[in-house]
Protein backbone atom coordinates (compact mmCIF):
# COMPACT_ATOMS: atom_id res chain seq x y z
CA MET A 1 -20.07 -59.49 74.14
CA THR A 2 -20.87 -56.72 71.70
CA PRO A 3 -24.20 -56.81 69.82
CA VAL A 4 -24.27 -58.80 66.59
CA PRO A 5 -24.10 -56.41 63.58
CA LEU A 6 -26.26 -56.81 60.49
CA GLU A 7 -23.26 -58.03 58.50
CA LEU A 8 -20.73 -60.33 60.14
CA PRO A 9 -17.08 -60.19 59.04
CA LEU A 10 -17.21 -63.91 58.17
CA ARG A 11 -19.78 -66.62 57.59
CA PRO A 12 -20.89 -68.36 60.81
CA GLY A 13 -21.08 -71.72 59.06
CA GLU A 14 -17.46 -71.48 57.92
CA ALA A 15 -16.31 -70.38 61.37
CA ALA A 16 -18.17 -73.38 62.78
CA ALA A 17 -16.42 -75.72 60.34
CA VAL A 18 -13.03 -74.43 61.46
CA ALA A 19 -13.99 -74.69 65.13
CA CYS A 20 -15.28 -78.27 64.73
CA LEU A 21 -12.03 -79.26 63.05
CA ILE A 22 -10.05 -77.84 65.97
CA PHE A 23 -12.20 -79.44 68.66
CA ASP A 24 -12.16 -82.82 66.88
CA GLN A 25 -8.41 -82.88 66.25
CA ALA A 26 -6.87 -80.87 69.11
CA GLU A 27 -8.91 -81.63 72.25
CA GLY A 28 -6.82 -83.45 74.82
CA LYS A 29 -3.65 -83.22 72.72
CA PRO A 30 -0.61 -80.92 73.00
CA LEU A 31 -0.56 -78.12 70.43
CA THR A 32 2.56 -79.02 68.48
CA GLY A 33 3.87 -77.76 65.18
CA GLU A 34 2.99 -81.11 63.66
CA LEU A 35 -0.63 -80.83 64.81
CA ARG A 36 -0.95 -77.26 63.50
CA THR A 37 0.46 -78.37 60.15
CA ARG A 38 -1.97 -81.27 60.00
CA LEU A 39 -4.89 -78.95 60.70
CA ALA A 40 -3.73 -76.57 57.97
CA GLY A 41 -3.65 -79.49 55.56
CA ARG A 42 -7.38 -80.06 56.15
CA VAL A 43 -8.34 -76.51 55.10
CA PRO A 44 -8.94 -77.24 51.37
CA GLY A 45 -11.60 -79.76 52.32
CA LEU A 46 -13.53 -77.08 54.24
CA ARG A 47 -14.08 -74.98 51.09
CA LEU A 48 -13.80 -71.68 52.91
CA ASN A 49 -14.69 -68.46 51.09
CA SER A 50 -15.18 -65.88 53.84
CA LEU A 51 -12.17 -66.57 56.01
CA THR A 52 -8.53 -67.58 55.73
CA PRO A 53 -7.21 -69.35 58.85
CA TYR A 54 -3.60 -69.17 60.02
CA PHE A 55 -3.23 -72.43 61.90
CA GLY A 56 0.31 -71.62 62.97
CA SER A 57 -1.28 -69.13 65.37
CA LEU A 58 -3.53 -71.69 67.11
CA GLU A 59 -3.31 -71.44 70.90
CA ARG A 60 -5.31 -72.43 73.96
CA ASP A 61 -6.62 -70.04 76.56
CA PRO A 62 -4.15 -70.06 79.49
CA VAL A 63 -6.99 -70.59 82.00
CA HIS A 64 -9.57 -72.64 80.06
CA PRO A 65 -7.81 -75.37 78.02
CA SER A 66 -10.91 -76.19 75.94
CA THR A 67 -11.01 -72.61 74.65
CA TYR A 68 -9.01 -71.85 71.50
CA TYR A 69 -7.77 -68.76 69.65
CA LEU A 70 -6.94 -68.61 65.96
CA ALA A 71 -5.84 -65.71 63.75
CA VAL A 72 -7.83 -65.45 60.52
CA ASP A 73 -8.60 -63.02 57.72
CA GLY A 74 -12.29 -62.23 57.28
CA ALA A 75 -14.43 -61.86 54.18
CA LEU A 76 -12.91 -58.52 53.15
CA GLY A 77 -9.41 -59.44 54.22
CA GLN A 78 -9.71 -57.84 57.66
CA PRO A 79 -7.44 -59.54 60.22
CA LEU A 80 -9.39 -61.09 63.10
CA LEU A 81 -8.88 -63.37 66.07
CA LEU A 82 -11.40 -66.19 66.51
CA HIS A 83 -12.36 -67.25 70.03
CA MET A 84 -13.89 -70.74 70.12
CA ALA A 85 -15.19 -72.42 73.26
CA PRO A 86 -17.84 -74.83 74.54
CA ALA A 87 -21.05 -72.88 75.17
CA ASN A 88 -20.89 -73.64 78.89
CA ALA A 89 -17.31 -72.37 79.24
CA PRO A 90 -16.59 -69.04 80.96
CA THR A 91 -15.95 -66.00 78.80
CA SER A 92 -12.44 -65.33 77.54
CA SER A 93 -9.88 -64.75 80.26
CA LEU A 94 -7.90 -62.49 77.91
CA PHE A 95 -10.31 -60.43 75.82
CA ARG A 96 -13.40 -58.53 76.82
CA LYS A 97 -16.46 -57.72 74.67
CA PRO A 98 -15.68 -59.78 71.55
CA LEU A 99 -18.14 -59.86 68.67
CA LEU A 100 -20.51 -62.83 68.83
CA ILE A 101 -20.48 -64.89 65.63
CA GLY A 102 -22.94 -67.44 66.97
CA ARG A 103 -23.85 -70.36 69.21
CA MET A 104 -23.73 -73.50 67.12
CA PRO A 105 -24.30 -77.23 67.51
CA ARG A 106 -21.41 -79.63 67.15
CA ALA A 107 -21.84 -83.19 65.95
CA GLY A 108 -20.88 -85.57 68.74
CA GLY A 109 -20.03 -82.78 71.14
CA PRO A 110 -21.43 -79.95 73.24
CA GLU A 111 -22.77 -76.74 71.74
CA MET A 112 -20.04 -74.20 71.02
CA VAL A 113 -19.84 -70.44 70.96
CA ILE A 114 -17.67 -68.52 68.50
CA ASN A 115 -16.61 -64.89 68.87
CA CYS A 116 -14.09 -62.71 67.09
CA LEU A 117 -12.28 -59.45 67.61
CA PRO A 118 -10.06 -57.17 65.50
CA PHE A 119 -6.51 -58.47 65.31
CA GLY A 120 -4.52 -56.33 62.90
CA PRO A 121 -1.02 -54.91 63.30
CA GLY A 122 -2.49 -51.79 64.91
CA ASP A 123 -4.30 -53.72 67.67
CA ARG A 124 -1.31 -53.52 69.96
CA GLU A 125 -2.91 -54.46 73.26
CA ALA A 126 -4.61 -57.54 71.80
CA ILE A 127 -1.33 -58.59 70.17
CA ARG A 128 0.59 -58.12 73.42
CA LYS A 129 -1.94 -60.09 75.46
CA PHE A 130 -2.12 -62.96 73.00
CA ALA A 131 1.64 -63.48 72.78
CA ALA A 132 2.46 -62.81 76.43
CA GLU A 133 -0.33 -64.96 77.87
CA THR A 134 -0.54 -67.91 75.47
CA ASP A 135 3.05 -68.60 74.30
CA SER A 136 5.94 -66.25 75.11
CA ARG A 137 7.99 -67.85 72.31
CA LEU A 138 5.98 -65.61 69.97
CA LEU A 139 7.66 -62.54 71.53
CA PRO A 140 11.03 -61.18 70.40
CA ARG A 141 14.05 -62.04 72.50
CA PRO A 142 17.75 -61.15 72.59
CA SER A 143 19.90 -62.99 70.07
CA GLY A 144 23.19 -62.18 71.81
CA THR A 145 26.26 -62.43 69.64
CA ARG A 146 24.79 -64.98 67.24
CA ARG A 147 24.84 -64.35 63.51
CA ALA A 148 21.73 -62.65 62.19
CA ILE A 149 20.04 -60.96 59.25
CA VAL A 150 18.22 -57.89 60.54
CA VAL A 151 15.54 -56.60 58.16
CA GLU A 152 14.98 -52.85 58.20
CA THR A 153 11.51 -52.72 56.72
CA ALA A 154 9.89 -49.90 54.80
CA GLN A 155 6.42 -51.58 54.70
CA PRO A 156 6.20 -53.79 57.80
CA GLU A 157 2.66 -55.09 57.25
CA VAL A 158 3.64 -56.37 53.81
CA GLU A 159 7.30 -57.22 54.26
CA LEU A 160 7.46 -58.88 57.69
CA PRO A 161 5.32 -61.88 56.65
CA VAL A 162 7.48 -62.24 53.54
CA ALA A 163 10.65 -62.09 55.63
CA LEU A 164 9.39 -64.70 58.11
CA GLU A 165 8.60 -67.11 55.30
CA ALA A 166 12.13 -66.62 53.99
CA PHE A 167 13.58 -67.23 57.46
CA ARG A 168 11.42 -70.36 57.78
CA ALA A 169 12.84 -71.70 54.53
CA LEU A 170 16.35 -71.03 55.82
CA ALA A 171 15.61 -72.73 59.14
CA LYS A 172 14.50 -75.88 57.34
CA ARG A 173 17.92 -76.03 55.68
CA GLY A 174 20.08 -75.34 58.69
CA GLY A 175 20.00 -71.54 58.79
CA LYS A 176 18.37 -71.28 62.22
CA GLY A 177 18.41 -68.30 64.56
CA LEU A 178 18.91 -65.68 61.86
CA ALA A 179 15.69 -63.68 62.11
CA GLY A 180 15.76 -60.05 63.22
CA PHE A 181 13.84 -56.86 62.53
CA GLU A 182 14.63 -53.18 63.03
CA GLY A 183 12.31 -50.24 63.47
CA GLY A 184 11.56 -49.65 67.15
CA ALA A 185 8.08 -49.16 68.54
CA GLY A 186 6.68 -48.60 65.05
CA VAL A 187 7.68 -52.12 63.97
CA TYR A 188 7.49 -53.98 67.28
CA ALA A 189 3.74 -54.73 67.36
CA CYS A 190 3.68 -55.57 63.67
CA SER A 191 6.60 -57.99 64.16
CA VAL A 192 4.78 -59.83 66.94
CA TRP A 193 1.57 -59.86 64.86
CA ALA A 194 3.42 -61.34 61.88
CA ALA A 195 5.11 -63.92 64.13
CA ILE A 196 1.73 -64.97 65.59
CA ARG A 197 0.09 -65.42 62.19
CA ALA A 198 3.11 -67.28 60.83
CA GLY A 199 3.37 -69.44 63.96
CA TRP A 200 7.00 -68.33 64.30
CA ARG A 201 8.25 -69.70 67.63
CA GLU A 202 11.89 -70.20 66.63
CA GLY A 203 13.10 -66.88 68.04
CA TYR A 204 13.64 -63.45 66.52
CA SER A 205 14.80 -60.03 67.66
CA VAL A 206 13.27 -56.59 67.25
CA GLY A 207 15.59 -53.64 67.52
CA THR A 208 15.52 -49.90 67.75
CA THR A 209 18.16 -47.26 67.06
CA ILE A 210 18.52 -44.44 69.56
CA VAL A 211 20.26 -41.55 67.85
CA PHE A 212 22.26 -39.33 70.17
CA ASP A 213 22.09 -35.73 68.95
CA GLY A 214 23.51 -34.13 72.07
CA ASP A 215 20.24 -34.32 74.03
CA LEU A 216 20.33 -37.18 76.55
CA GLU A 217 16.79 -36.49 77.70
CA ARG A 218 15.58 -37.12 74.17
CA ALA A 219 17.55 -40.38 74.16
CA ARG A 220 15.88 -41.36 77.44
CA GLU A 221 12.45 -40.78 75.90
CA ALA A 222 13.40 -42.85 72.85
CA ALA A 223 14.41 -45.70 75.16
CA ARG A 224 11.08 -45.46 76.98
CA ARG A 225 9.04 -45.60 73.76
CA SER A 226 10.80 -48.75 72.57
CA ALA A 227 11.39 -50.46 75.92
CA ALA A 228 9.76 -53.71 74.77
CA CYS A 229 12.36 -54.23 72.02
CA SER A 230 15.04 -56.86 72.53
CA ARG A 231 17.91 -55.03 70.82
CA PHE A 232 19.02 -51.41 71.25
CA SER A 233 21.57 -49.55 69.15
CA ALA A 234 23.13 -46.37 70.50
CA ALA A 235 24.02 -44.31 67.41
CA VAL A 236 26.71 -41.99 68.78
CA GLY A 237 28.83 -41.46 65.68
CA SER A 238 28.01 -37.74 65.50
CA ALA A 239 29.53 -37.24 68.96
CA ILE A 240 32.92 -38.66 67.88
CA ARG A 241 35.63 -36.02 67.31
CA PRO A 242 37.72 -37.36 64.42
CA ASP A 243 40.43 -34.72 64.74
CA GLY A 244 41.20 -35.34 68.44
CA PRO A 245 44.84 -36.24 69.17
CA GLU A 246 44.01 -38.93 71.74
CA ALA A 247 41.47 -41.73 71.70
CA GLU A 248 39.89 -40.54 74.94
CA GLU A 249 39.35 -37.09 73.49
CA ARG A 250 37.97 -38.44 70.23
CA PHE A 251 35.67 -41.15 71.59
CA GLY A 252 35.07 -40.18 75.21
CA PRO A 253 31.94 -38.00 74.71
CA ALA A 254 30.34 -40.56 72.41
CA LEU A 255 31.03 -43.45 74.77
CA GLU A 256 29.75 -41.49 77.76
CA ALA A 257 26.51 -40.98 75.86
CA ALA A 258 26.33 -44.68 74.91
CA ALA A 259 26.84 -45.73 78.53
CA ALA A 260 24.13 -43.31 79.66
CA ILE A 261 21.73 -44.69 77.03
CA ALA A 262 22.42 -48.24 78.20
CA GLY A 263 21.60 -47.12 81.73
CA TYR A 264 18.32 -45.54 80.59
CA ILE A 265 17.35 -48.78 78.86
CA ARG A 266 18.00 -50.86 81.99
CA GLU A 267 16.05 -48.43 84.18
CA THR A 268 13.10 -48.23 81.81
CA ARG A 269 12.81 -51.98 81.27
CA SER A 270 13.03 -52.59 85.00
CA ALA A 271 10.28 -50.07 85.72
CA LEU A 272 8.03 -51.64 83.08
CA ASN A 273 8.86 -55.24 84.07
CA ALA A 274 10.10 -55.81 80.54
CA GLY A 275 12.89 -58.16 81.61
CA ARG A 276 16.54 -57.59 82.37
CA SER A 277 18.04 -59.18 79.28
CA PHE A 278 18.56 -57.21 76.06
CA ASP A 279 21.19 -56.79 73.36
CA PHE A 280 23.16 -53.53 73.26
CA GLU A 281 24.99 -52.15 70.25
CA ILE A 282 27.33 -49.20 69.91
CA ASP A 283 26.99 -47.62 66.48
CA LEU A 284 30.03 -45.57 65.45
CA GLN A 285 28.83 -44.84 61.92
CA GLY A 286 28.68 -41.27 60.67
CA CYS A 287 31.81 -40.13 62.51
CA GLY A 288 33.59 -38.95 59.35
CA GLN A 289 36.39 -41.50 59.15
CA PRO A 290 36.69 -45.30 59.10
CA THR A 291 36.93 -47.09 62.44
CA SER A 292 40.35 -48.68 62.86
CA PRO A 293 40.93 -51.89 64.82
CA ALA A 294 42.67 -49.78 67.50
CA ASP A 295 39.66 -47.47 67.67
CA LEU A 296 37.26 -50.38 68.12
CA ARG A 297 39.47 -51.95 70.78
CA PHE A 298 39.53 -48.68 72.72
CA CYS A 299 35.75 -48.33 72.55
CA LEU A 300 35.05 -51.89 73.67
CA GLU A 301 37.62 -51.68 76.48
CA TRP A 302 36.11 -48.38 77.62
CA MET A 303 32.59 -49.84 77.73
CA LYS A 304 33.78 -53.00 79.48
CA GLY A 305 35.58 -50.92 82.08
CA ARG A 306 32.29 -49.13 82.88
CA GLY A 307 30.42 -52.39 83.25
CA VAL A 308 28.40 -52.00 80.04
CA ALA A 309 27.95 -55.28 78.18
CA VAL A 310 28.16 -54.75 74.41
CA GLN A 311 26.93 -57.57 72.19
CA LEU A 312 27.16 -55.72 68.86
CA ALA A 313 29.37 -53.03 67.37
CA ALA A 314 28.74 -51.14 64.12
CA PRO A 315 32.02 -49.59 62.93
CA GLU A 316 32.25 -46.85 60.32
CA MET A 317 33.59 -48.86 57.39
CA GLY A 318 33.98 -46.29 54.64
CA GLY A 319 34.69 -47.85 51.21
CA SER A 320 33.23 -51.26 50.52
CA GLY A 321 33.47 -52.71 54.00
CA THR A 322 35.47 -55.80 53.06
CA GLY A 323 39.05 -56.99 53.07
CA GLU A 324 41.83 -57.03 55.63
CA SER A 325 40.48 -54.13 57.69
CA LEU A 326 37.18 -55.96 58.21
CA ALA A 327 38.96 -59.13 59.27
CA GLN A 328 40.98 -57.16 61.83
CA LEU A 329 37.87 -55.44 63.18
CA ALA A 330 36.13 -58.80 63.46
CA GLU A 331 39.07 -60.24 65.37
CA VAL A 332 38.99 -57.35 67.84
CA ALA A 333 35.23 -57.76 68.32
CA ARG A 334 35.56 -61.50 68.96
CA GLY A 335 38.17 -60.79 71.61
CA PHE A 336 35.49 -58.91 73.57
CA GLY A 337 32.74 -61.46 72.95
CA CYS A 338 31.14 -59.03 70.51
CA THR A 339 29.74 -59.33 66.97
CA LEU A 340 30.17 -56.82 64.17
CA SER A 341 27.00 -55.21 62.82
CA LEU A 342 27.28 -54.33 59.12
CA ALA A 343 24.78 -52.52 56.90
CA SER A 344 23.75 -53.63 53.43
CA ARG A 345 24.70 -51.55 50.41
CA ALA A 346 23.64 -51.49 46.80
CA GLY A 347 26.94 -53.04 45.68
CA HIS A 348 26.76 -56.05 47.99
CA ASP A 349 26.56 -58.87 45.48
CA GLY A 350 27.24 -62.54 46.18
CA ALA A 351 31.01 -62.19 45.89
CA THR A 352 31.10 -59.19 48.22
CA LEU A 353 28.93 -60.94 50.80
CA ALA A 354 31.11 -64.04 50.58
CA GLY A 355 34.16 -61.89 51.29
CA MET A 356 32.43 -60.36 54.31
CA GLY A 357 31.50 -63.80 55.58
CA GLN A 358 35.06 -65.02 55.20
CA ALA A 359 36.55 -61.95 56.90
CA THR A 360 34.19 -62.20 59.88
CA LEU A 361 34.25 -66.02 60.02
CA GLY A 362 30.48 -65.82 59.59
CA ARG A 363 30.03 -64.00 62.88
CA VAL A 364 28.16 -60.93 61.75
CA SER A 365 24.80 -59.25 62.15
CA TYR A 366 23.84 -58.02 58.69
CA ARG A 367 21.34 -55.17 58.42
CA LEU A 368 19.34 -55.62 55.26
CA SER A 369 17.42 -52.49 54.28
CA SER A 370 14.35 -53.42 52.24
CA GLY A 371 14.01 -49.80 51.11
CA ALA A 372 17.30 -50.09 49.24
CA LEU A 373 16.25 -53.18 47.28
CA PRO A 374 15.41 -52.49 43.62
CA ALA A 375 12.26 -54.66 43.77
CA GLY A 376 11.26 -53.69 47.31
CA ALA A 377 9.13 -56.31 49.06
CA ALA A 378 9.12 -58.48 45.94
CA GLY A 379 12.89 -58.92 46.20
CA LEU A 380 13.10 -59.27 49.98
CA ALA A 381 12.97 -63.06 50.19
CA ASP A 382 15.67 -63.40 47.53
CA ALA A 383 17.85 -60.81 49.29
CA ILE A 384 17.56 -62.69 52.60
CA GLN A 385 18.47 -65.94 50.89
CA LEU A 386 21.41 -64.35 49.08
CA ALA A 387 22.79 -62.87 52.31
CA ALA A 388 22.42 -66.12 54.24
CA THR A 389 23.95 -68.19 51.46
CA HIS A 390 27.09 -66.11 51.09
CA LEU A 391 27.59 -64.77 54.61
CA PHE A 392 26.86 -67.99 56.48
CA GLY A 393 26.76 -70.76 53.88
CA ALA A 394 23.06 -71.47 54.57
CA VAL A 395 21.97 -72.54 51.08
CA VAL A 396 18.28 -72.48 50.23
CA SER A 397 17.10 -73.94 46.95
């Protein structure tokens, strides 16, 4: 343990009150959502001033079941992870050199020791260890071809907790399995951190976009940096030749690049033991002309013929992105077991979203850019609700 500083980041007495509550209520019982909720309901009675606990994050040490971890905010709002254990228990099996808060008596039980360590969105190794070793449901995972709302965040530390609360409200009303985030390695750790603090174990994806600019080695490096993500989009629209007379001439170079990127992702994830399963998207946007149903069919057939599984396809829509053309594109995608990926726009009101939902039969992955929202983070929850309501019929009051 590190030496005790002159000023602790939280009051030992308040940390002890939280620890006693956990030991009294959780020892010998499975850590369920119901138990975590019940513990959270006891917080007002503790009259805490120097710490804010996030009981959704509560987990046991994977080796020592009487040792607990809990994400909290300290006296100045600094994010921390509490480590609480009987005084005779071994040190943490996950974290080395935590800060000692104190050894304290416990009424009706053995003496306990409480430590803490920094646990903010930038503490990537601590975040990775916590999620991977205590409950892997806190990690992102592929969503396949299921419907989704993918939030492209401009301020992840602020917006991801807001988004998860909105997704939780949707889940309570039948809109399950919708949560997704976009931003690559820069958003990955923050997404897991937000999921831990929110106690989000219902599944979510984290994606990255690999832009092909003619340099495959650069694409390989981008895949390596974001190998832990669960969704990868190969943005190859700039390699499409819109004036080519034949589909092979127009799309061949772009699809060759997409297939190579998919190969890099598989190789990198295998080398890092990151798991074999991931979602792959071909992004045809930026090619200069709208993607026709015939174009999309050619691309998906080409990828299938090369053994590349494509779960998502982002066509170049042009115009508003609704109507008969969208319905035809969606039909082609469904024929290949694929889902259309569509980007939000400023003009996407309720009626427009409803039309998109009808055209795609609700099978769509909708990329919602928080940076394009007039109110930014303040309007994010409402934007998620609006999209879910009209695209999928998941109504949240």
